[in-house]
Every structure is written in structure tokens, then in C-alpha cells.
Amino acid sequence: IKTHKGASSRFHITGSGKIMRMKGGKSHLRRNKSYRSKT
């Protein structure tokens, strides 16, 4: 059974079994967003 490498870099499984994901909009046009929204 092969792992999808794109999915393995985007999603992480916690010890309790939850799948965690990152939010979108991290990299592009980040300069003109407020500090709070960037964090």
C-alpha cells in the first residue's frame, strides 16, 4: 500500500488519531495582512 506523498506532507495524524491540516492562504499576498491574521 503506497502513501500519497502530497497528502502526507499536508496532513498529520496526532497520537489520538485526529487528522490535522494547515490553513490556506499562508504564502501568497501575506505582506498586506495584519499580524494577527498572519499568526
All heavy atoms as atom14 arrays in JSON, in Angstrom:
{
  "sequence": "IKTHKGASSRFHITGSGKIMRMKGGKSHLRRNKSYRSKT",
  "atom14_mask": [
    [1, 1, 1, 1, 1, 1, 1, 1, 0, 0, 0, 0, 0, 0],
    [1, 1, 1, 1, 1, 1, 1, 1, 1, 0, 0, 0, 0, 0],
    [1, 1, 1, 1, 1, 1, 1, 0, 0, 0, 0, 0, 0, 0],
    [1, 1, 1, 1, 1, 1, 1, 1, 1, 1, 0, 0, 0, 0],
    [1, 1, 1, 1, 1, 1, 1, 1, 1, 0, 0, 0, 0, 0],
    [1, 1, 1, 1, 0, 0, 0, 0, 0, 0, 0, 0, 0, 0],
    [1, 1, 1, 1, 1, 0, 0, 0, 0, 0, 0, 0, 0, 0],
    [1, 1, 1, 1, 1, 1, 0, 0, 0, 0, 0, 0, 0, 0],
    [1, 1, 1, 1, 1, 1, 0, 0, 0, 0, 0, 0, 0, 0],
    [1, 1, 1, 1, 1, 1, 1, 1, 1, 1, 1, 0, 0, 0],
    [1, 1, 1, 1, 1, 1, 1, 1, 1, 1, 1, 0, 0, 0],
    [1, 1, 1, 1, 1, 1, 1, 1, 1, 1, 0, 0, 0, 0],
    [1, 1, 1, 1, 1, 1, 1, 1, 0, 0, 0, 0, 0, 0],
    [1, 1, 1, 1, 1, 1, 1, 0, 0, 0, 0, 0, 0, 0],
    [1, 1, 1, 1, 0, 0, 0, 0, 0, 0, 0, 0, 0, 0],
    [1, 1, 1, 1, 1, 1, 0, 0, 0, 0, 0, 0, 0, 0],
    [1, 1, 1, 1, 0, 0, 0, 0, 0, 0, 0, 0, 0, 0],
    [1, 1, 1, 1, 1, 1, 1, 1, 1, 0, 0, 0, 0, 0],
    [1, 1, 1, 1, 1, 1, 1, 1, 0, 0, 0, 0, 0, 0],
    [1, 1, 1, 1, 1, 1, 1, 1, 0, 0, 0, 0, 0, 0],
    [1, 1, 1, 1, 1, 1, 1, 1, 1, 1, 1, 0, 0, 0],
    [1, 1, 1, 1, 1, 1, 1, 1, 0, 0, 0, 0, 0, 0],
    [1, 1, 1, 1, 1, 1, 1, 1, 1, 0, 0, 0, 0, 0],
    [1, 1, 1, 1, 0, 0, 0, 0, 0, 0, 0, 0, 0, 0],
    [1, 1, 1, 1, 0, 0, 0, 0, 0, 0, 0, 0, 0, 0],
    [1, 1, 1, 1, 1, 1, 1, 1, 1, 0, 0, 0, 0, 0],
    [1, 1, 1, 1, 1, 1, 0, 0, 0, 0, 0, 0, 0, 0],
    [1, 1, 1, 1, 1, 1, 1, 1, 1, 1, 0, 0, 0, 0],
    [1, 1, 1, 1, 1, 1, 1, 1, 0, 0, 0, 0, 0, 0],
    [1, 1, 1, 1, 1, 1, 1, 1, 1, 1, 1, 0, 0, 0],
    [1, 1, 1, 1, 1, 1, 1, 1, 1, 1, 1, 0, 0, 0],
    [1, 1, 1, 1, 1, 1, 1, 1, 0, 0, 0, 0, 0, 0],
    [1, 1, 1, 1, 1, 1, 1, 1, 1, 0, 0, 0, 0, 0],
    [1, 1, 1, 1, 1, 1, 0, 0, 0, 0, 0, 0, 0, 0],
    [1, 1, 1, 1, 1, 1, 1, 1, 1, 1, 1, 1, 0, 0],
    [1, 1, 1, 1, 1, 1, 1, 1, 1, 1, 1, 0, 0, 0],
    [1, 1, 1, 1, 1, 1, 0, 0, 0, 0, 0, 0, 0, 0],
    [1, 1, 1, 1, 1, 1, 1, 1, 1, 0, 0, 0, 0, 0],
    [1, 1, 1, 1, 1, 1, 1, 0, 0, 0, 0, 0, 0, 0]
  ],
  "atom14_positions": [
    [[0.87, -1.18, 0.0], [0.0, 0.0, 0.0], [0.9, 1.22, 0.0], [1.77, 1.36, 0.86], [-0.92, 0.01, 1.23], [-1.82, -1.21, 1.23], [-1.74, 1.28, 1.27], [-2.62, -1.37, 2.49], [0.0, 0.0, 0.0], [0.0, 0.0, 0.0], [0.0, 0.0, 0.0], [0.0, 0.0, 0.0], [0.0, 0.0, 0.0], [0.0, 0.0, 0.0]],
    [[0.73, 2.09, -0.98], [1.59, 3.26, -1.09], [0.9, 4.49, -0.51], [-0.3, 4.68, -0.67], [1.97, 3.51, -2.54], [2.76, 2.36, -3.11], [3.7, 2.83, -4.17], [4.58, 1.68, -4.58], [5.6, 2.11, -5.51], [0.0, 0.0, 0.0], [0.0, 0.0, 0.0], [0.0, 0.0, 0.0], [0.0, 0.0, 0.0], [0.0, 0.0, 0.0]],
    [[1.69, 5.32, 0.14], [1.22, 6.57, 0.71], [1.27, 7.66, -0.35], [2.24, 7.75, -1.09], [2.11, 6.98, 1.9], [2.08, 5.95, 2.87], [1.64, 8.28, 2.51], [0.0, 0.0, 0.0], [0.0, 0.0, 0.0], [0.0, 0.0, 0.0], [0.0, 0.0, 0.0], [0.0, 0.0, 0.0], [0.0, 0.0, 0.0], [0.0, 0.0, 0.0]],
    [[0.24, 8.49, -0.42], [0.24, 9.64, -1.32], [1.13, 10.71, -0.7], [0.83, 11.24, 0.36], [-1.19, 10.15, -1.48], [-1.34, 11.17, -2.57], [-1.01, 12.49, -2.38], [-1.77, 11.05, -3.85], [-1.24, 13.14, -3.5], [-1.7, 12.29, -4.4], [0.0, 0.0, 0.0], [0.0, 0.0, 0.0], [0.0, 0.0, 0.0], [0.0, 0.0, 0.0]],
    [[2.26, 11.02, -1.37], [3.27, 11.89, -0.77], [2.78, 13.32, -0.6], [3.18, 14.02, 0.33], [4.55, 11.87, -1.61], [5.26, 10.53, -1.56], [5.63, 10.18, -0.13], [6.38, 8.89, -0.07], [6.74, 8.52, 1.29], [0.0, 0.0, 0.0], [0.0, 0.0, 0.0], [0.0, 0.0, 0.0], [0.0, 0.0, 0.0], [0.0, 0.0, 0.0]],
    [[1.92, 13.8, -1.5], [1.38, 15.14, -1.37], [0.48, 15.25, -0.15], [0.51, 16.24, 0.58], [0.0, 0.0, 0.0], [0.0, 0.0, 0.0], [0.0, 0.0, 0.0], [0.0, 0.0, 0.0], [0.0, 0.0, 0.0], [0.0, 0.0, 0.0], [0.0, 0.0, 0.0], [0.0, 0.0, 0.0], [0.0, 0.0, 0.0], [0.0, 0.0, 0.0]],
    [[-0.3, 14.21, 0.1], [-1.19, 14.22, 1.26], [-0.4, 14.05, 2.55], [-0.75, 14.64, 3.57], [-2.22, 13.11, 1.14], [0.0, 0.0, 0.0], [0.0, 0.0, 0.0], [0.0, 0.0, 0.0], [0.0, 0.0, 0.0], [0.0, 0.0, 0.0], [0.0, 0.0, 0.0], [0.0, 0.0, 0.0], [0.0, 0.0, 0.0], [0.0, 0.0, 0.0]],
    [[0.68, 13.27, 2.51], [1.43, 13.05, 3.75], [2.16, 14.31, 4.19], [2.42, 14.48, 5.38], [2.43, 11.91, 3.57], [3.44, 12.26, 2.67], [0.0, 0.0, 0.0], [0.0, 0.0, 0.0], [0.0, 0.0, 0.0], [0.0, 0.0, 0.0], [0.0, 0.0, 0.0], [0.0, 0.0, 0.0], [0.0, 0.0, 0.0], [0.0, 0.0, 0.0]],
    [[2.48, 15.21, 3.25], [3.14, 16.45, 3.65], [2.13, 17.5, 4.1], [2.49, 18.42, 4.83], [3.98, 16.99, 2.5], [3.14, 17.38, 1.42], [0.0, 0.0, 0.0], [0.0, 0.0, 0.0], [0.0, 0.0, 0.0], [0.0, 0.0, 0.0], [0.0, 0.0, 0.0], [0.0, 0.0, 0.0], [0.0, 0.0, 0.0], [0.0, 0.0, 0.0]],
    [[0.87, 17.37, 3.69], [-0.13, 18.38, 4.04], [-0.94, 18.03, 5.29], [-1.48, 18.92, 5.94], [-1.1, 18.56, 2.87], [-0.5, 19.29, 1.71], [-1.48, 19.35, 0.56], [-0.96, 20.19, -0.51], [-0.2, 19.76, -1.51], [0.11, 18.47, -1.58], [0.22, 20.58, -2.44], [0.0, 0.0, 0.0], [0.0, 0.0, 0.0], [0.0, 0.0, 0.0]],
    [[-1.03, 16.74, 5.61], [-1.84, 16.3, 6.74], [-0.98, 15.53, 7.72], [-0.06, 14.83, 7.32], [-2.99, 15.39, 6.26], [-3.91, 16.06, 5.28], [-3.8, 15.8, 3.93], [-4.88, 16.94, 5.7], [-4.63, 16.4, 3.02], [-5.72, 17.55, 4.8], [-5.6, 17.28, 3.46], [0.0, 0.0, 0.0], [0.0, 0.0, 0.0], [0.0, 0.0, 0.0]],
    [[-1.29, 15.68, 9.0], [-0.55, 14.97, 10.04], [-1.56, 14.31, 10.98], [-2.6, 14.89, 11.28], [0.36, 15.92, 10.81], [1.39, 16.55, 9.95], [2.5, 15.88, 9.5], [1.47, 17.8, 9.42], [3.22, 16.69, 8.75], [2.61, 17.86, 8.68], [0.0, 0.0, 0.0], [0.0, 0.0, 0.0], [0.0, 0.0, 0.0], [0.0, 0.0, 0.0]],
    [[-1.23, 13.11, 11.44], [-2.11, 12.38, 12.33], [-1.55, 12.49, 13.74], [-0.36, 12.23, 13.97], [-2.24, 10.91, 11.9], [-2.86, 10.85, 10.51], [-3.09, 10.14, 12.88], [-3.07, 9.47, 9.97], [0.0, 0.0, 0.0], [0.0, 0.0, 0.0], [0.0, 0.0, 0.0], [0.0, 0.0, 0.0], [0.0, 0.0, 0.0], [0.0, 0.0, 0.0]],
    [[-2.4, 12.9, 14.69], [-1.97, 13.05, 16.07], [-1.94, 11.69, 16.76], [-2.35, 10.68, 16.19], [-2.93, 13.98, 16.83], [-4.23, 13.39, 16.83], [-2.99, 15.35, 16.19], [0.0, 0.0, 0.0], [0.0, 0.0, 0.0], [0.0, 0.0, 0.0], [0.0, 0.0, 0.0], [0.0, 0.0, 0.0], [0.0, 0.0, 0.0], [0.0, 0.0, 0.0]],
    [[-1.47, 11.68, 17.98], [-1.42, 10.45, 18.74], [-2.79, 9.87, 19.03], [-2.95, 8.66, 19.14], [0.0, 0.0, 0.0], [0.0, 0.0, 0.0], [0.0, 0.0, 0.0], [0.0, 0.0, 0.0], [0.0, 0.0, 0.0], [0.0, 0.0, 0.0], [0.0, 0.0, 0.0], [0.0, 0.0, 0.0], [0.0, 0.0, 0.0], [0.0, 0.0, 0.0]],
    [[-3.78, 10.74, 19.16], [-5.14, 10.27, 19.43], [-5.88, 9.87, 18.16], [-7.01, 9.4, 18.23], [-5.92, 11.34, 20.17], [-6.02, 12.51, 19.39], [0.0, 0.0, 0.0], [0.0, 0.0, 0.0], [0.0, 0.0, 0.0], [0.0, 0.0, 0.0], [0.0, 0.0, 0.0], [0.0, 0.0, 0.0], [0.0, 0.0, 0.0], [0.0, 0.0, 0.0]],
    [[-5.27, 10.09, 16.98], [-5.88, 9.66, 15.73], [-6.57, 10.75, 14.93], [-7.13, 10.46, 13.88], [0.0, 0.0, 0.0], [0.0, 0.0, 0.0], [0.0, 0.0, 0.0], [0.0, 0.0, 0.0], [0.0, 0.0, 0.0], [0.0, 0.0, 0.0], [0.0, 0.0, 0.0], [0.0, 0.0, 0.0], [0.0, 0.0, 0.0], [0.0, 0.0, 0.0]],
    [[-6.52, 11.99, 15.4], [-7.12, 13.09, 14.65], [-6.22, 13.46, 13.49], [-4.99, 13.41, 13.6], [-7.32, 14.32, 15.53], [-8.46, 14.2, 16.5], [-8.78, 15.53, 17.13], [-7.76, 15.88, 18.18], [-8.14, 17.04, 18.98], [0.0, 0.0, 0.0], [0.0, 0.0, 0.0], [0.0, 0.0, 0.0], [0.0, 0.0, 0.0], [0.0, 0.0, 0.0]],
    [[-6.82, 13.84, 12.36], [-6.06, 14.31, 11.21], [-6.06, 15.83, 11.26], [-7.12, 16.45, 11.27], [-6.66, 13.8, 9.89], [-6.67, 12.27, 9.87], [-5.86, 14.32, 8.71], [-7.33, 11.68, 8.65], [0.0, 0.0, 0.0], [0.0, 0.0, 0.0], [0.0, 0.0, 0.0], [0.0, 0.0, 0.0], [0.0, 0.0, 0.0], [0.0, 0.0, 0.0]],
    [[-4.86, 16.41, 11.27], [-4.72, 17.86, 11.35], [-4.29, 18.4, 9.98], [-3.57, 17.75, 9.24], [-3.66, 18.23, 12.39], [-3.95, 17.69, 13.77], [-5.45, 18.34, 14.49], [-4.88, 19.9, 15.09], [0.0, 0.0, 0.0], [0.0, 0.0, 0.0], [0.0, 0.0, 0.0], [0.0, 0.0, 0.0], [0.0, 0.0, 0.0], [0.0, 0.0, 0.0]],
    [[-4.75, 19.62, 9.68], [-4.4, 20.24, 8.41], [-3.97, 21.69, 8.65], [-4.26, 22.26, 9.69], [-5.59, 20.23, 7.46], [-6.72, 21.16, 7.88], [-7.77, 21.29, 6.79], [-8.86, 22.15, 7.19], [-8.89, 23.46, 6.99], [-7.88, 24.07, 6.42], [-9.92, 24.18, 7.37], [0.0, 0.0, 0.0], [0.0, 0.0, 0.0], [0.0, 0.0, 0.0]],
    [[-3.26, 22.24, 7.67], [-2.87, 23.64, 7.72], [-3.95, 24.48, 7.04], [-4.7, 23.98, 6.2], [-1.54, 23.86, 7.02], [-0.38, 23.18, 7.68], [-0.03, 23.79, 9.34], [0.78, 25.31, 8.95], [0.0, 0.0, 0.0], [0.0, 0.0, 0.0], [0.0, 0.0, 0.0], [0.0, 0.0, 0.0], [0.0, 0.0, 0.0], [0.0, 0.0, 0.0]],
    [[-4.0, 25.76, 7.37], [-4.93, 26.66, 6.72], [-4.35, 27.13, 5.4], [-3.13, 27.18, 5.22], [-5.19, 27.87, 7.61], [-5.98, 27.54, 8.85], [-6.32, 28.79, 9.6], [-7.17, 28.47, 10.8], [-7.56, 29.66, 11.52], [0.0, 0.0, 0.0], [0.0, 0.0, 0.0], [0.0, 0.0, 0.0], [0.0, 0.0, 0.0], [0.0, 0.0, 0.0]],
    [[-5.23, 27.49, 4.47], [-4.78, 28.03, 3.19], [-4.47, 29.5, 3.3], [-4.82, 30.16, 4.28], [0.0, 0.0, 0.0], [0.0, 0.0, 0.0], [0.0, 0.0, 0.0], [0.0, 0.0, 0.0], [0.0, 0.0, 0.0], [0.0, 0.0, 0.0], [0.0, 0.0, 0.0], [0.0, 0.0, 0.0], [0.0, 0.0, 0.0], [0.0, 0.0, 0.0]],
    [[-3.81, 30.05, 2.28], [-3.51, 31.47, 2.25], [-2.29, 31.85, 3.04], [-2.16, 33.0, 3.45], [0.0, 0.0, 0.0], [0.0, 0.0, 0.0], [0.0, 0.0, 0.0], [0.0, 0.0, 0.0], [0.0, 0.0, 0.0], [0.0, 0.0, 0.0], [0.0, 0.0, 0.0], [0.0, 0.0, 0.0], [0.0, 0.0, 0.0], [0.0, 0.0, 0.0]],
    [[-1.38, 30.92, 3.26], [-0.2, 31.2, 4.08], [0.88, 31.95, 3.34], [1.59, 32.75, 3.92], [0.4, 29.88, 4.59], [-0.04, 29.5, 5.95], [0.73, 28.33, 6.43], [2.07, 28.77, 6.92], [2.64, 27.92, 7.94], [0.0, 0.0, 0.0], [0.0, 0.0, 0.0], [0.0, 0.0, 0.0], [0.0, 0.0, 0.0], [0.0, 0.0, 0.0]],
    [[1.06, 31.67, 2.07], [2.28, 32.13, 1.42], [2.07, 33.32, 0.48], [2.94, 34.19, 0.39], [2.9, 30.98, 0.64], [2.01, 30.53, -0.34], [0.0, 0.0, 0.0], [0.0, 0.0, 0.0], [0.0, 0.0, 0.0], [0.0, 0.0, 0.0], [0.0, 0.0, 0.0], [0.0, 0.0, 0.0], [0.0, 0.0, 0.0], [0.0, 0.0, 0.0]],
    [[0.97, 33.38, -0.21], [0.82, 34.36, -1.28], [0.06, 35.58, -0.77], [-0.97, 35.44, -0.12], [0.08, 33.71, -2.45], [0.02, 34.56, -3.67], [1.13, 35.0, -4.32], [-1.03, 35.07, -4.34], [0.77, 35.74, -5.36], [-0.53, 35.8, -5.39], [0.0, 0.0, 0.0], [0.0, 0.0, 0.0], [0.0, 0.0, 0.0], [0.0, 0.0, 0.0]],
    [[0.57, 36.78, -1.06], [-0.03, 38.08, -0.66], [-0.17, 38.18, 0.85], [-1.15, 38.74, 1.36], [-1.4, 38.28, -1.32], [-1.4, 38.43, -2.84], [-2.81, 38.5, -3.35], [-0.63, 39.65, -3.26], [0.0, 0.0, 0.0], [0.0, 0.0, 0.0], [0.0, 0.0, 0.0], [0.0, 0.0, 0.0], [0.0, 0.0, 0.0], [0.0, 0.0, 0.0]],
    [[0.81, 37.7, 1.56], [0.76, 37.74, 3.02], [1.25, 39.06, 3.58], [1.0, 39.41, 4.72], [1.61, 36.59, 3.57], [1.31, 36.25, 5.0], [2.0, 35.0, 5.41], [1.76, 34.78, 6.83], [2.22, 33.78, 7.51], [2.95, 32.87, 6.92], [1.97, 33.65, 8.78], [0.0, 0.0, 0.0], [0.0, 0.0, 0.0], [0.0, 0.0, 0.0]],
    [[1.94, 39.82, 2.74], [2.58, 41.06, 3.18], [1.57, 42.1, 3.67], [1.81, 42.8, 4.63], [3.39, 41.61, 2.0], [4.15, 42.85, 2.26], [4.97, 43.18, 1.05], [4.15, 43.12, -0.16], [4.64, 43.14, -1.38], [5.93, 43.16, -1.57], [3.85, 43.11, -2.43], [0.0, 0.0, 0.0], [0.0, 0.0, 0.0], [0.0, 0.0, 0.0]],
    [[0.42, 42.18, 3.01], [-0.54, 43.23, 3.36], [-1.64, 42.74, 4.29], [-2.67, 43.37, 4.4], [-1.14, 43.85, 2.1], [-1.72, 42.83, 1.16], [-1.76, 41.65, 1.5], [-2.16, 43.25, -0.01], [0.0, 0.0, 0.0], [0.0, 0.0, 0.0], [0.0, 0.0, 0.0], [0.0, 0.0, 0.0], [0.0, 0.0, 0.0], [0.0, 0.0, 0.0]],
    [[-1.42, 41.64, 4.99], [-2.37, 41.19, 6.0], [-1.89, 41.63, 7.37], [-0.7, 41.87, 7.57], [-2.5, 39.66, 5.95], [-3.17, 39.14, 4.69], [-3.34, 37.65, 4.76], [-4.19, 37.13, 3.63], [-3.59, 37.27, 2.32], [0.0, 0.0, 0.0], [0.0, 0.0, 0.0], [0.0, 0.0, 0.0], [0.0, 0.0, 0.0], [0.0, 0.0, 0.0]],
    [[-2.8, 41.71, 8.31], [-2.43, 42.14, 9.65], [-1.63, 41.04, 10.36], [-1.69, 39.87, 9.99], [-3.67, 42.47, 10.47], [-4.39, 41.3, 10.75], [0.0, 0.0, 0.0], [0.0, 0.0, 0.0], [0.0, 0.0, 0.0], [0.0, 0.0, 0.0], [0.0, 0.0, 0.0], [0.0, 0.0, 0.0], [0.0, 0.0, 0.0], [0.0, 0.0, 0.0]],
    [[-0.88, 41.44, 11.38], [-0.05, 40.49, 12.11], [-0.89, 39.41, 12.76], [-0.54, 38.23, 12.76], [0.77, 41.22, 13.17], [1.63, 40.31, 13.98], [2.8, 39.78, 13.45], [1.28, 39.94, 15.27], [3.59, 38.92, 14.17], [2.05, 39.07, 16.01], [3.21, 38.57, 15.45], [3.99, 37.71, 16.17], [0.0, 0.0, 0.0], [0.0, 0.0, 0.0]],
    [[-2.05, 39.78, 13.31], [-2.91, 38.81, 13.98], [-3.43, 37.76, 13.0], [-3.45, 36.56, 13.3], [-4.08, 39.52, 14.64], [-4.98, 38.57, 15.4], [-6.12, 39.31, 16.08], [-6.92, 38.37, 16.84], [-7.89, 37.62, 16.3], [-8.16, 37.7, 15.02], [-8.58, 36.8, 17.05], [0.0, 0.0, 0.0], [0.0, 0.0, 0.0], [0.0, 0.0, 0.0]],
    [[-3.85, 38.2, 11.82], [-4.36, 37.22, 10.85], [-3.24, 36.33, 10.32], [-3.47, 35.17, 10.0], [-5.06, 37.93, 9.7], [-4.15, 38.68, 8.94], [0.0, 0.0, 0.0], [0.0, 0.0, 0.0], [0.0, 0.0, 0.0], [0.0, 0.0, 0.0], [0.0, 0.0, 0.0], [0.0, 0.0, 0.0], [0.0, 0.0, 0.0], [0.0, 0.0, 0.0]],
    [[-2.02, 36.86, 10.25], [-0.9, 36.05, 9.79], [-0.54, 34.97, 10.8], [-0.18, 33.86, 10.43], [0.32, 36.93, 9.52], [0.21, 37.7, 8.22], [1.5, 38.35, 7.86], [1.65, 39.69, 8.52], [2.74, 40.48, 7.94], [0.0, 0.0, 0.0], [0.0, 0.0, 0.0], [0.0, 0.0, 0.0], [0.0, 0.0, 0.0], [0.0, 0.0, 0.0]],
    [[-0.65, 35.27, 12.08], [-0.33, 34.26, 13.08], [-1.41, 33.18, 13.13], [-1.12, 32.04, 13.49], [-0.17, 34.87, 14.48], [-1.34, 35.61, 14.81], [1.04, 35.76, 14.54], [0.0, 0.0, 0.0], [0.0, 0.0, 0.0], [0.0, 0.0, 0.0], [0.0, 0.0, 0.0], [0.0, 0.0, 0.0], [0.0, 0.0, 0.0], [0.0, 0.0, 0.0]]
  ]
}
